[in-house]
Amino acid sequence: MLVAIGPLAGKRGIEHRPFFMAERILIVAPSWVGDAILSEPLVAVLREPFEEPIVDVLAPPWCAPVYARMRGIGRVIESPFRHKELGFARRRMLARELQSHGYTLALVLPNSFKSALIPWLARIPRRIGYVGEMRRILLTDALRLDRKALPRLVDRFVALAVARGRLIPTPPAPMLVPNIANAGAAMRGLTLSTRRPIAILCPGAEYGPAKRWPTEHFIALARRMLDAGYAVWLMGSPNDQPTAAPIAAAVAGVRDLTGRTDLGTAIDLLSLASVVVSNDSGLMHAAAAVGRPLIALFGSSSPDYTPPLSPVAQVTRIDIECSPCFQRECPLGHFKCMRDLDPERVYQLALEAAA
């Protein structure tokens, strides 16, 4: 099978001359859902000349639904390892299984030693990734990351597939293909309706409270959206339930779906929204990737690094000196970057986006 691995020298809008090699490709996926979604443009660059799946992915189980909704993915192989678990013997067993598939190229997206270990044990001839965690010996191509030239994570992923000496293309926006039949089944099972326009609020953020817009702001926004005629759904993982529960308790008529869907179903339901308001989280990137109007709330993190990549996504944030700090909790204790992000401002942006 022919696969493009040295893509698209030049800028968007200029005719490119990719070169091709016979490859069987394995992508070692990131552990964060948002990062997994941002790897879709890499898959798009690899699949561009072809219609059939050309890439397999080794991914944590919680990221598997993301890759199941990407075009160009063949097999999704679930990695059984817990966070920080080495499990050398089990990694060697998995590597032996992968060896039978004849992969010729592995693109290792995380920077950890463990993520590069399985492709090395599987004796995949070419193993490409960035320098990190003393793993240079495990990679055949250990690339030095130029953070200034590649400020965004999506660009860093795409650059792994570009031959040295060629210009890195402008990545396309990530795209996920929702399962409409599954969305319909979830609607029936959860007794949801599309009779009114739907505003989905995503109040959680796995990384920590510094990424979360205050509960009282989500309450104010939910009330305003209900008064404007929207159905309001709260969406997130089981870990987001303590964050969502006070919102649902304070605002009659809000549907709290946190923890009641798996990730794949959450992605499918996001595709039905008239507008999504989300913290910087995996669901923020999912909403952007299914093409829904999105208001993305940034405080401690940076939209320069992991922005929602969609023409109908808007970032809103407070421009203060200490933001972004990239901390799990506000190191100064005032949390101004999120507290000063006014609910009325977000409400007006949401109405404009949904119009």
Foldseek 3Di string as FASTA:
>chain_A
DKWFLADDFDEPPDDGDTDIDDFQEEEEADAFLLRRLLLLLLLCRGCVVHQQARYEYEYAPQNVLQVVQHGNYDYYHHDPDDPPDQPPVVLLVVLCVVLVVPGQEYEQLDQELSSLVSCQSVPRPAYFYEHHHPNPVSGPHHHHDDCVVPVASSQRSNVRRHDPPGDRYDGAARAGHADQVLLVVVCVVLVHDPPWAAEEEEQDAVLADLQGFDLVLLLVLVVVCVVVTHQYEYEEELVCCVSCVVSPVNDPRYHYCYNVDRPSNLLNNLLRHLEYEYGPGSVQLSNQNSPHQYEYEGFQDDCSYRNNDHPRYDYDWDDDDCPNVPDNDPPVPPSCGRHVRHSVVVNVSRVVSSD
